[in-house]
Amino acid sequence: MHIKNYCFETKLPLWKLVPVTTDGARSMVGSVNGFIALCEKDDDFPDFLKYHCIIHQQVLCSKRLITKDVMDIAFKIANSIRAKSLRRRLFRQEFEGQELLLHTDVRWLSSGKFIQRFRDLLYCKKSKFSSNQR
């Protein structure tokens, strides 16, 4: 096994191998010839934890979650603010120059960034509103 040879050549102790994080590819997690299976079969490798990469987990989760209703409402609000220059100036004035992000379907991360920013600004506005009511 190449990884075992590499560890011996570089004098990397195998007992320090605690977790192994993979991207879920067959060559990594295959039950017979995958990297994880080969390491588990080899007595030189210690018992280790197996994880799926957190970024890949988020992508898989986002494909399963249906957020269309929430995203549509957030897009309508953001577009109505950005569509008119007066609303946009008032929004920037209210939030000390902060701007709403635009969402693009080109990158899967952009919807997450958009909704997070929208939520943060909504929370900020809600806390300002509740402090003004007292």
Protein backbone atom coordinates (compact mmCIF):
# COMPACT_ATOMS: atom_id res chain seq x y z
CA MET A 1 0.00 0.00 0.00
CA HIS A 2 1.49 3.35 -1.08
CA ILE A 3 0.31 5.33 1.94
CA LYS A 4 1.93 2.87 4.30
CA ASN A 5 5.24 3.14 2.41
CA TYR A 6 4.97 6.92 2.46
CA CYS A 7 4.39 6.92 6.22
CA PHE A 8 7.43 4.70 6.79
CA GLU A 9 9.65 6.77 4.45
CA THR A 10 8.71 10.04 6.14
CA LYS A 11 8.83 8.47 9.61
CA LEU A 12 5.23 9.46 10.25
CA PRO A 13 3.94 7.29 13.11
CA LEU A 14 0.75 5.48 12.12
CA TRP A 15 -0.56 5.60 15.70
CA LYS A 16 -1.06 9.36 15.19
CA LEU A 17 -3.65 8.59 12.54
CA VAL A 18 -6.88 9.33 14.43
CA PRO A 19 -9.51 10.56 11.92
CA VAL A 20 -9.65 10.08 8.17
CA THR A 21 -11.79 12.50 6.18
CA THR A 22 -12.89 11.52 2.67
CA ASP A 23 -14.95 12.98 -0.14
CA GLY A 24 -17.07 9.83 -0.50
CA ALA A 25 -15.43 8.59 -3.71
CA ARG A 26 -15.44 4.81 -4.30
CA SER A 27 -11.66 4.73 -4.28
CA MET A 28 -11.76 6.11 -0.73
CA VAL A 29 -14.75 4.41 0.88
CA GLY A 30 -15.20 1.23 -1.19
CA SER A 31 -15.92 -1.77 1.04
CA VAL A 32 -13.30 -4.03 -0.60
CA ASN A 33 -10.61 -1.96 -2.34
CA GLY A 34 -11.28 1.49 -0.93
CA PHE A 35 -8.60 3.30 1.07
CA ILE A 36 -10.59 3.05 4.30
CA ALA A 37 -11.23 -0.70 3.86
CA LEU A 38 -7.57 -1.40 3.07
CA CYS A 39 -6.42 0.55 6.13
CA GLU A 40 -8.91 -1.27 8.35
CA LYS A 41 -7.67 -4.65 7.10
CA ASP A 42 -4.02 -3.78 7.74
CA ASP A 43 -2.91 -4.51 11.32
CA ASP A 44 -0.31 -1.71 11.26
CA PHE A 45 -3.04 0.94 11.08
CA PRO A 46 -4.77 1.79 14.36
CA ASP A 47 -8.52 2.01 14.81
CA PHE A 48 -9.49 5.40 13.44
CA LEU A 49 -12.58 7.52 12.96
CA LYS A 50 -14.01 7.94 9.47
CA TYR A 51 -15.63 11.22 8.42
CA HIS A 52 -17.20 12.56 5.28
CA CYS A 53 -15.86 16.02 4.34
CA ILE A 54 -18.02 18.74 5.93
CA ILE A 55 -18.23 20.76 2.71
CA HIS A 56 -19.47 17.73 0.81
CA GLN A 57 -21.94 17.02 3.63
CA GLN A 58 -23.38 20.52 3.26
CA VAL A 59 -23.78 20.09 -0.49
CA LEU A 60 -25.50 16.75 -0.07
CA CYS A 61 -27.77 18.21 2.61
CA SER A 62 -28.65 21.24 0.51
CA LYS A 63 -29.69 18.96 -2.35
CA ARG A 64 -32.14 17.22 -0.02
CA LEU A 65 -33.57 20.30 1.68
CA ILE A 66 -36.35 22.09 -0.11
CA THR A 67 -35.75 25.78 0.55
CA LYS A 68 -37.54 27.14 -2.50
CA ASP A 69 -40.36 28.79 -0.51
CA VAL A 70 -37.98 30.56 1.87
CA MET A 71 -35.60 31.59 -0.89
CA ASP A 72 -38.42 32.92 -3.08
CA ILE A 73 -39.68 35.20 -0.30
CA ALA A 74 -36.16 36.40 0.52
CA PHE A 75 -35.46 37.07 -3.18
CA LYS A 76 -38.67 39.08 -3.54
CA ILE A 77 -37.77 41.24 -0.53
CA ALA A 78 -34.16 41.74 -1.66
CA ASN A 79 -35.20 42.49 -5.25
CA SER A 80 -37.80 45.00 -4.13
CA ILE A 81 -35.14 46.81 -2.06
CA ARG A 82 -32.53 46.71 -4.82
CA ALA A 83 -34.94 47.60 -7.65
CA LYS A 84 -35.59 51.19 -6.58
CA SER A 85 -32.66 53.49 -5.91
CA LEU A 86 -34.48 55.36 -3.11
CA ARG A 87 -35.22 52.12 -1.23
CA ARG A 88 -31.66 50.99 -1.74
CA ARG A 89 -30.25 54.29 -0.36
CA LEU A 90 -32.60 54.14 2.63
CA PHE A 91 -31.60 50.53 3.26
CA ARG A 92 -27.89 51.41 3.17
CA GLN A 93 -28.52 54.38 5.47
CA GLU A 94 -30.46 52.21 7.94
CA PHE A 95 -27.79 49.50 8.03
CA GLU A 96 -24.69 51.73 8.02
CA GLY A 97 -23.68 51.06 4.42
CA GLN A 98 -24.31 47.32 4.37
CA GLU A 99 -25.66 45.87 1.16
CA LEU A 100 -27.89 42.91 0.34
CA LEU A 101 -26.12 40.21 -1.61
CA LEU A 102 -27.46 38.99 -4.92
CA HIS A 103 -27.95 35.26 -5.39
CA THR A 104 -26.75 33.48 -8.51
CA ASP A 105 -27.44 29.86 -9.39
CA VAL A 106 -23.95 29.48 -10.85
CA ARG A 107 -22.35 28.62 -7.51
CA TRP A 108 -23.99 26.42 -4.90
CA LEU A 109 -22.49 28.47 -2.08
CA SER A 110 -24.11 31.72 -3.17
CA SER A 111 -27.61 30.82 -1.93
CA GLY A 112 -26.21 29.97 1.49
CA LYS A 113 -24.31 33.25 1.70
CA PHE A 114 -27.36 35.18 0.51
CA ILE A 115 -29.76 33.68 3.04
CA GLN A 116 -27.24 34.00 5.88
CA ARG A 117 -26.68 37.69 5.13
CA PHE A 118 -30.44 38.22 4.79
CA ARG A 119 -31.03 36.54 8.17
CA ASP A 120 -28.30 38.58 9.86
CA LEU A 121 -29.71 41.86 8.54
CA LEU A 122 -33.23 40.80 9.49
CA TYR A 123 -32.09 40.02 13.04
CA CYS A 124 -30.24 43.35 13.22
CA LYS A 125 -33.38 45.20 12.08
CA LYS A 126 -35.55 43.27 14.53
CA SER A 127 -33.27 44.11 17.45
CA LYS A 128 -33.19 47.82 16.43
CA PHE A 129 -36.98 47.83 16.16
CA SER A 130 -37.49 46.20 19.56
CA SER A 131 -35.04 48.63 21.23
CA ASN A 132 -36.92 51.60 19.71
CA GLN A 133 -40.25 50.30 21.05
CA ARG A 134 -39.12 50.50 24.71
